[in-house]
Amino acid sequence: MRGVTSRYKDRSARAGRLYDSNVAGDAEFDAFAALLRRGRDVPDMVGHLAERLERALPDQVEVERAGLRRHVRSLAVRFNPMQFRVELHGHRVTAWLDHIVRGVCVRSDEVPFDDWLDRLAEALAKEARQSTEVRLALEDALG
């Protein structure tokens, strides 16, 4: 059985291809894919992702931290009508896609972490195409 690290490296390579094919040439998404490739383990990668998304999208990102080193315990990114949520328990990660209607979560689907990352990447790309402000904020935070 492959470990989390090798699965992460495979997923990171797929993320690079996803960005290249969907938003070819967009520097912020190349940087985001590079960020995903940089992480050594899932908690480290989620921590870096949380920091950058908090800077880029402060109104849409919620991060819960704990411990003396302020490690990320959970990350939630809201794009109506979806919320992308991940919780860390040591080196174990649980990811959900929440369906929000009028501010209320009507359904939560637990998904594999790789799928969660792919869907988050797609949502970020979509938001960047629809809003110059979001695109510039992502470029600044991820670049």
N, C-alpha and C. Protein backbone atom coordinates (compact mmCIF):
# COMPACT_ATOMS: atom_id res chain seq x y z
N MET A 1 0.84 -1.19 0.00
CA MET A 1 0.00 0.00 0.00
C MET A 1 0.88 1.25 0.00
N ARG A 2 0.56 2.16 -0.85
CA ARG A 2 1.32 3.39 -0.93
C ARG A 2 0.98 4.29 0.24
N GLY A 3 1.98 5.05 0.71
CA GLY A 3 1.77 5.96 1.82
C GLY A 3 1.14 7.26 1.34
N VAL A 4 0.80 8.08 2.31
CA VAL A 4 0.18 9.38 2.00
C VAL A 4 1.12 10.22 1.15
N THR A 5 2.42 10.16 1.45
CA THR A 5 3.37 11.00 0.73
C THR A 5 3.42 10.64 -0.75
N SER A 6 3.46 9.34 -1.09
CA SER A 6 3.51 8.98 -2.51
C SER A 6 2.20 9.29 -3.22
N ARG A 7 1.07 9.09 -2.53
CA ARG A 7 -0.21 9.46 -3.14
C ARG A 7 -0.27 10.95 -3.35
N TYR A 8 0.29 11.73 -2.40
CA TYR A 8 0.29 13.18 -2.51
C TYR A 8 1.11 13.61 -3.71
N LYS A 9 2.27 12.98 -3.92
CA LYS A 9 3.11 13.35 -5.07
C LYS A 9 2.37 13.07 -6.37
N ASP A 10 1.68 11.92 -6.46
CA ASP A 10 0.90 11.60 -7.66
C ASP A 10 -0.18 12.64 -7.88
N ARG A 11 -0.88 13.03 -6.82
CA ARG A 11 -1.96 14.00 -6.90
C ARG A 11 -1.42 15.36 -7.29
N SER A 12 -0.24 15.70 -6.78
CA SER A 12 0.36 16.98 -7.11
C SER A 12 0.67 17.08 -8.59
N ALA A 13 1.15 15.98 -9.17
CA ALA A 13 1.43 15.97 -10.61
C ALA A 13 0.13 16.17 -11.39
N ARG A 14 -0.96 15.51 -10.94
CA ARG A 14 -2.25 15.69 -11.60
C ARG A 14 -2.72 17.13 -11.47
N ALA A 15 -2.48 17.77 -10.31
CA ALA A 15 -2.90 19.16 -10.12
C ALA A 15 -2.21 20.06 -11.13
N GLY A 16 -0.91 19.84 -11.35
CA GLY A 16 -0.19 20.65 -12.33
C GLY A 16 -0.78 20.51 -13.71
N ARG A 17 -1.13 19.27 -14.09
CA ARG A 17 -1.74 19.06 -15.41
C ARG A 17 -3.12 19.68 -15.48
N LEU A 18 -3.91 19.60 -14.39
CA LEU A 18 -5.25 20.18 -14.35
C LEU A 18 -5.17 21.68 -14.61
N TYR A 19 -4.26 22.37 -13.90
CA TYR A 19 -4.14 23.80 -14.08
C TYR A 19 -3.64 24.14 -15.47
N ASP A 20 -2.67 23.38 -15.96
CA ASP A 20 -2.14 23.67 -17.28
C ASP A 20 -3.21 23.56 -18.34
N SER A 21 -4.11 22.57 -18.21
CA SER A 21 -5.12 22.38 -19.25
C SER A 21 -6.30 23.32 -19.09
N ASN A 22 -6.66 23.70 -17.86
CA ASN A 22 -7.85 24.52 -17.66
C ASN A 22 -7.59 26.01 -17.74
N VAL A 23 -6.47 26.46 -17.23
CA VAL A 23 -6.19 27.88 -17.22
C VAL A 23 -4.73 28.10 -17.64
N ALA A 24 -4.40 27.58 -18.79
CA ALA A 24 -3.02 27.62 -19.27
C ALA A 24 -2.50 29.05 -19.28
N GLY A 25 -1.29 29.19 -18.72
CA GLY A 25 -0.64 30.48 -18.75
C GLY A 25 -0.96 31.37 -17.57
N ASP A 26 -1.91 31.04 -16.75
CA ASP A 26 -2.23 31.87 -15.59
C ASP A 26 -1.19 31.65 -14.51
N ALA A 27 -0.40 32.65 -14.23
CA ALA A 27 0.72 32.53 -13.30
C ALA A 27 0.27 32.13 -11.90
N GLU A 28 -0.88 32.65 -11.45
CA GLU A 28 -1.31 32.33 -10.09
C GLU A 28 -1.63 30.85 -9.92
N PHE A 29 -2.12 30.22 -10.96
CA PHE A 29 -2.46 28.81 -10.83
C PHE A 29 -1.24 27.93 -11.00
N ASP A 30 -0.27 28.38 -11.76
CA ASP A 30 1.01 27.67 -11.81
C ASP A 30 1.66 27.72 -10.44
N ALA A 31 1.58 28.86 -9.77
CA ALA A 31 2.14 29.00 -8.43
C ALA A 31 1.38 28.12 -7.44
N PHE A 32 0.07 28.06 -7.57
CA PHE A 32 -0.74 27.22 -6.69
C PHE A 32 -0.37 25.76 -6.86
N ALA A 33 -0.21 25.32 -8.10
CA ALA A 33 0.18 23.93 -8.35
C ALA A 33 1.56 23.66 -7.77
N ALA A 34 2.46 24.63 -7.88
CA ALA A 34 3.80 24.47 -7.30
C ALA A 34 3.70 24.38 -5.79
N LEU A 35 2.82 25.15 -5.19
CA LEU A 35 2.61 25.08 -3.75
C LEU A 35 2.17 23.68 -3.34
N LEU A 36 1.25 23.12 -4.10
CA LEU A 36 0.78 21.77 -3.77
C LEU A 36 1.90 20.75 -3.89
N ARG A 37 2.80 20.94 -4.83
CA ARG A 37 3.90 20.00 -5.01
C ARG A 37 4.94 20.10 -3.90
N ARG A 38 5.03 21.28 -3.27
CA ARG A 38 6.07 21.53 -2.29
C ARG A 38 5.87 20.80 -0.98
N GLY A 39 4.63 20.54 -0.56
CA GLY A 39 4.36 19.96 0.74
C GLY A 39 4.95 18.57 0.92
N ARG A 40 5.53 18.32 2.07
CA ARG A 40 6.11 17.01 2.37
C ARG A 40 5.05 16.06 2.89
N ASP A 41 4.12 16.58 3.65
CA ASP A 41 3.03 15.74 4.15
C ASP A 41 1.75 16.56 4.14
N VAL A 42 0.65 15.89 4.33
CA VAL A 42 -0.64 16.55 4.19
C VAL A 42 -0.84 17.68 5.20
N PRO A 43 -0.56 17.50 6.50
CA PRO A 43 -0.76 18.62 7.43
C PRO A 43 0.08 19.85 7.07
N ASP A 44 1.31 19.64 6.64
CA ASP A 44 2.18 20.74 6.23
C ASP A 44 1.59 21.46 5.02
N MET A 45 1.14 20.69 4.04
CA MET A 45 0.57 21.26 2.83
C MET A 45 -0.72 22.03 3.14
N VAL A 46 -1.58 21.48 4.00
CA VAL A 46 -2.83 22.16 4.35
C VAL A 46 -2.51 23.46 5.10
N GLY A 47 -1.50 23.44 5.95
CA GLY A 47 -1.10 24.65 6.66
C GLY A 47 -0.67 25.76 5.72
N HIS A 48 0.17 25.42 4.74
CA HIS A 48 0.61 26.42 3.76
C HIS A 48 -0.56 26.91 2.91
N LEU A 49 -1.42 25.99 2.51
CA LEU A 49 -2.59 26.35 1.72
C LEU A 49 -3.49 27.30 2.51
N ALA A 50 -3.71 27.00 3.79
CA ALA A 50 -4.56 27.84 4.64
C ALA A 50 -4.00 29.25 4.75
N GLU A 51 -2.69 29.38 4.97
CA GLU A 51 -2.07 30.70 5.08
C GLU A 51 -2.29 31.53 3.83
N ARG A 52 -2.08 30.93 2.69
CA ARG A 52 -2.18 31.67 1.43
C ARG A 52 -3.63 32.01 1.08
N LEU A 53 -4.54 31.07 1.31
CA LEU A 53 -5.94 31.34 1.02
C LEU A 53 -6.52 32.38 1.98
N GLU A 54 -6.07 32.37 3.24
CA GLU A 54 -6.51 33.40 4.19
C GLU A 54 -6.14 34.79 3.70
N ARG A 55 -4.93 34.92 3.16
CA ARG A 55 -4.48 36.21 2.63
C ARG A 55 -5.27 36.61 1.39
N ALA A 56 -5.51 35.64 0.51
CA ALA A 56 -6.16 35.94 -0.77
C ALA A 56 -7.66 36.17 -0.64
N LEU A 57 -8.32 35.37 0.19
CA LEU A 57 -9.77 35.39 0.27
C LEU A 57 -10.22 35.44 1.74
N PRO A 58 -9.89 36.49 2.47
CA PRO A 58 -10.18 36.51 3.91
C PRO A 58 -11.66 36.38 4.26
N ASP A 59 -12.55 36.84 3.39
CA ASP A 59 -13.98 36.76 3.68
C ASP A 59 -14.56 35.38 3.37
N GLN A 60 -13.81 34.55 2.65
CA GLN A 60 -14.33 33.25 2.25
C GLN A 60 -13.61 32.08 2.91
N VAL A 61 -12.61 32.37 3.72
CA VAL A 61 -11.78 31.32 4.32
C VAL A 61 -11.86 31.40 5.84
N GLU A 62 -12.03 30.25 6.47
CA GLU A 62 -12.03 30.15 7.92
C GLU A 62 -11.03 29.07 8.32
N VAL A 63 -10.10 29.43 9.20
CA VAL A 63 -9.07 28.50 9.64
C VAL A 63 -9.13 28.39 11.15
N GLU A 64 -9.13 27.16 11.65
CA GLU A 64 -9.05 26.91 13.09
C GLU A 64 -7.67 26.35 13.39
N ARG A 65 -6.99 26.98 14.36
CA ARG A 65 -5.64 26.55 14.73
C ARG A 65 -5.63 26.11 16.19
N ALA A 66 -4.63 25.26 16.54
CA ALA A 66 -4.51 24.79 17.91
C ALA A 66 -3.05 24.52 18.24
N GLY A 67 -2.76 24.45 19.51
CA GLY A 67 -1.42 24.10 19.96
C GLY A 67 -0.51 25.30 20.03
N LEU A 68 0.67 25.08 20.61
CA LEU A 68 1.64 26.16 20.76
C LEU A 68 2.16 26.66 19.43
N ARG A 69 2.29 25.76 18.47
CA ARG A 69 2.79 26.15 17.15
C ARG A 69 1.68 26.61 16.21
N ARG A 70 0.47 26.64 16.73
CA ARG A 70 -0.68 27.12 15.95
C ARG A 70 -0.87 26.33 14.67
N HIS A 71 -0.81 25.00 14.78
CA HIS A 71 -1.04 24.13 13.63
C HIS A 71 -2.50 24.22 13.20
N VAL A 72 -2.73 24.09 11.93
CA VAL A 72 -4.09 24.13 11.39
C VAL A 72 -4.82 22.85 11.80
N ARG A 73 -6.00 23.03 12.39
CA ARG A 73 -6.86 21.89 12.73
C ARG A 73 -7.96 21.72 11.69
N SER A 74 -8.44 22.85 11.15
CA SER A 74 -9.47 22.76 10.11
C SER A 74 -9.37 23.96 9.19
N LEU A 75 -9.82 23.75 7.96
CA LEU A 75 -9.83 24.79 6.92
C LEU A 75 -11.16 24.68 6.20
N ALA A 76 -11.84 25.80 6.05
CA ALA A 76 -13.08 25.85 5.29
C ALA A 76 -13.00 27.00 4.29
N VAL A 77 -13.33 26.70 3.04
CA VAL A 77 -13.32 27.70 1.97
C VAL A 77 -14.72 27.72 1.36
N ARG A 78 -15.36 28.89 1.36
CA ARG A 78 -16.75 29.01 0.91
C ARG A 78 -16.84 29.65 -0.47
N PHE A 79 -17.46 28.93 -1.38
CA PHE A 79 -17.84 29.45 -2.70
C PHE A 79 -19.29 29.01 -2.89
N ASN A 80 -20.22 29.96 -2.87
CA ASN A 80 -21.64 29.59 -2.97
C ASN A 80 -21.90 28.75 -4.19
N PRO A 81 -22.63 27.68 -4.07
CA PRO A 81 -23.28 27.11 -2.89
C PRO A 81 -22.44 26.04 -2.19
N MET A 82 -21.15 25.98 -2.47
CA MET A 82 -20.30 24.92 -1.91
C MET A 82 -19.38 25.48 -0.82
N GLN A 83 -19.07 24.61 0.12
CA GLN A 83 -18.03 24.89 1.09
C GLN A 83 -17.07 23.71 1.08
N PHE A 84 -15.80 23.99 0.96
CA PHE A 84 -14.77 22.97 0.95
C PHE A 84 -14.17 22.95 2.35
N ARG A 85 -14.31 21.82 3.04
CA ARG A 85 -13.89 21.75 4.44
C ARG A 85 -12.97 20.55 4.64
N VAL A 86 -11.90 20.77 5.41
CA VAL A 86 -10.97 19.70 5.72
C VAL A 86 -10.61 19.81 7.21
N GLU A 87 -10.52 18.67 7.88
CA GLU A 87 -10.11 18.62 9.28
C GLU A 87 -8.91 17.72 9.41
N LEU A 88 -7.97 18.15 10.24
CA LEU A 88 -6.75 17.38 10.47
C LEU A 88 -6.78 16.82 11.89
N HIS A 89 -6.41 15.56 12.01
CA HIS A 89 -6.29 14.87 13.28
C HIS A 89 -4.92 14.21 13.26
N GLY A 90 -3.90 14.94 13.70
CA GLY A 90 -2.53 14.44 13.56
C GLY A 90 -2.17 14.42 12.08
N HIS A 91 -1.79 13.26 11.57
CA HIS A 91 -1.47 13.13 10.14
C HIS A 91 -2.66 12.58 9.35
N ARG A 92 -3.77 12.40 10.01
CA ARG A 92 -4.98 11.92 9.36
C ARG A 92 -5.81 13.12 8.91
N VAL A 93 -6.35 13.04 7.72
CA VAL A 93 -7.14 14.15 7.18
C VAL A 93 -8.50 13.64 6.74
N THR A 94 -9.53 14.45 7.00
CA THR A 94 -10.88 14.14 6.56
C THR A 94 -11.39 15.35 5.79
N ALA A 95 -11.91 15.10 4.59
CA ALA A 95 -12.35 16.20 3.72
C ALA A 95 -13.83 16.07 3.40
N TRP A 96 -14.51 17.20 3.33
CA TRP A 96 -15.94 17.24 3.01
C TRP A 96 -16.22 18.31 1.98
N LEU A 97 -17.28 18.06 1.24
CA LEU A 97 -17.90 19.08 0.39
C LEU A 97 -19.26 19.34 1.00
N ASP A 98 -19.48 20.55 1.48
CA ASP A 98 -20.75 20.93 2.11
C ASP A 98 -21.58 21.70 1.10
N HIS A 99 -22.85 21.38 1.06
CA HIS A 99 -23.79 22.07 0.19
C HIS A 99 -24.58 23.06 1.05
N ILE A 100 -24.43 24.35 0.78
CA ILE A 100 -25.00 25.41 1.60
C ILE A 100 -26.17 26.05 0.86
N VAL A 101 -27.31 26.17 1.55
CA VAL A 101 -28.48 26.85 1.02
C VAL A 101 -28.93 27.86 2.05
N ARG A 102 -28.94 29.14 1.68
CA ARG A 102 -29.34 30.23 2.57
C ARG A 102 -28.60 30.19 3.90
N GLY A 103 -27.31 29.90 3.83
CA GLY A 103 -26.46 29.91 5.01
C GLY A 103 -26.53 28.66 5.87
N VAL A 104 -27.29 27.65 5.42
CA VAL A 104 -27.44 26.42 6.19
C VAL A 104 -26.87 25.25 5.39
N CYS A 105 -26.08 24.42 6.06
CA CYS A 105 -25.54 23.24 5.39
C CYS A 105 -26.63 22.18 5.29
N VAL A 106 -27.05 21.87 4.07
CA VAL A 106 -28.12 20.90 3.88
C VAL A 106 -27.59 19.50 3.59
N ARG A 107 -26.30 19.40 3.21
CA ARG A 107 -25.71 18.09 2.95
C ARG A 107 -24.19 18.20 3.02
N SER A 108 -23.58 17.21 3.65
CA SER A 108 -22.13 17.10 3.70
C SER A 108 -21.72 15.76 3.10
N ASP A 109 -20.84 15.82 2.12
CA ASP A 109 -20.34 14.60 1.50
C ASP A 109 -18.87 14.45 1.84
N GLU A 110 -18.51 13.35 2.51
CA GLU A 110 -17.11 13.08 2.76
C GLU A 110 -16.49 12.58 1.46
N VAL A 111 -15.35 13.15 1.10
CA VAL A 111 -14.69 12.80 -0.16
C VAL A 111 -13.21 12.50 0.12
N PRO A 112 -12.57 11.72 -0.76
CA PRO A 112 -11.13 11.52 -0.62
C PRO A 112 -10.41 12.86 -0.73
N PHE A 113 -9.32 13.00 0.01
CA PHE A 113 -8.59 14.27 0.04
C PHE A 113 -8.13 14.70 -1.35
N ASP A 114 -7.68 13.77 -2.17
CA ASP A 114 -7.25 14.11 -3.53
C ASP A 114 -8.38 14.73 -4.33
N ASP A 115 -9.59 14.17 -4.22
CA ASP A 115 -10.75 14.74 -4.91
C ASP A 115 -11.07 16.13 -4.37
N TRP A 116 -10.95 16.30 -3.05
CA TRP A 116 -11.21 17.59 -2.43
C TRP A 116 -10.27 18.65 -3.01
N LEU A 117 -8.99 18.31 -3.11
CA LEU A 117 -8.02 19.26 -3.67
C LEU A 117 -8.33 19.59 -5.13
N ASP A 118 -8.68 18.57 -5.91
CA ASP A 118 -9.01 18.81 -7.32
C ASP A 118 -10.22 19.72 -7.45
N ARG A 119 -11.24 19.47 -6.64
CA ARG A 119 -12.45 20.30 -6.72
C ARG A 119 -12.20 21.72 -6.22
N LEU A 120 -11.39 21.86 -5.18
CA LEU A 120 -11.03 23.19 -4.71
C LEU A 120 -10.28 23.95 -5.79
N ALA A 121 -9.36 23.28 -6.46
CA ALA A 121 -8.59 23.91 -7.55
C ALA A 121 -9.53 24.38 -8.66
N GLU A 122 -10.49 23.56 -9.01
CA GLU A 122 -11.47 23.93 -10.04
C GLU A 122 -12.29 25.15 -9.60
N ALA A 123 -12.71 25.17 -8.32
CA ALA A 123 -13.50 26.29 -7.82
C ALA A 123 -12.68 27.58 -7.80
N LEU A 124 -11.40 27.48 -7.41
CA LEU A 124 -10.53 28.66 -7.42
C LEU A 124 -10.34 29.19 -8.84
N ALA A 125 -10.15 28.27 -9.78
CA ALA A 125 -9.99 28.69 -11.18
C ALA A 125 -11.26 29.38 -11.69
N LYS A 126 -12.40 28.83 -11.34
CA LYS A 126 -13.68 29.42 -11.77
C LYS A 126 -13.86 30.82 -11.17
N GLU A 127 -13.59 30.94 -9.87
CA GLU A 127 -13.72 32.25 -9.21
C GLU A 127 -12.77 33.27 -9.84
N ALA A 128 -11.55 32.85 -10.16
CA ALA A 128 -10.57 33.76 -10.75
C ALA A 128 -11.00 34.21 -12.14
N ARG A 129 -11.64 33.31 -12.90
CA ARG A 129 -12.12 33.70 -14.24
C ARG A 129 -13.28 34.68 -14.15
N GLN A 130 -14.07 34.60 -13.07
CA GLN A 130 -15.25 35.45 -12.93
C GLN A 130 -14.96 36.80 -12.28
N SER A 131 -13.85 36.90 -11.55
CA SER A 131 -13.58 38.13 -10.81
C SER A 131 -12.11 38.52 -10.92
N THR A 132 -11.87 39.67 -11.46
CA THR A 132 -10.50 40.18 -11.55
C THR A 132 -9.93 40.39 -10.16
N GLU A 133 -10.75 40.87 -9.24
CA GLU A 133 -10.30 41.10 -7.86
C GLU A 133 -9.81 39.79 -7.22
N VAL A 134 -10.57 38.73 -7.38
CA VAL A 134 -10.18 37.42 -6.83
C VAL A 134 -8.92 36.92 -7.52
N ARG A 135 -8.87 37.07 -8.84
CA ARG A 135 -7.69 36.61 -9.59
C ARG A 135 -6.43 37.33 -9.11
N LEU A 136 -6.51 38.64 -8.93
CA LEU A 136 -5.35 39.40 -8.47
C LEU A 136 -4.96 39.02 -7.03
N ALA A 137 -5.96 38.81 -6.17
CA ALA A 137 -5.67 38.42 -4.79
C ALA A 137 -5.01 37.04 -4.74
N LEU A 138 -5.50 36.12 -5.55
CA LEU A 138 -4.88 34.78 -5.60
C LEU A 138 -3.47 34.86 -6.16
N GLU A 139 -3.30 35.66 -7.18
CA GLU A 139 -1.96 35.81 -7.79
C GLU A 139 -0.99 36.36 -6.76
N ASP A 140 -1.43 37.34 -5.99
CA ASP A 140 -0.56 37.94 -4.98
C ASP A 140 -0.23 36.94 -3.86
N ALA A 141 -1.23 36.22 -3.38
CA ALA A 141 -1.03 35.30 -2.24
C ALA A 141 -0.30 34.03 -2.64
N LEU A 142 -0.55 33.54 -3.84
CA LEU A 142 0.02 32.26 -4.24
C LEU A 142 1.32 32.42 -5.02
N GLY A 143 1.59 33.62 -5.47
CA GLY A 143 2.77 33.86 -6.29
C GLY A 143 4.00 34.14 -5.55
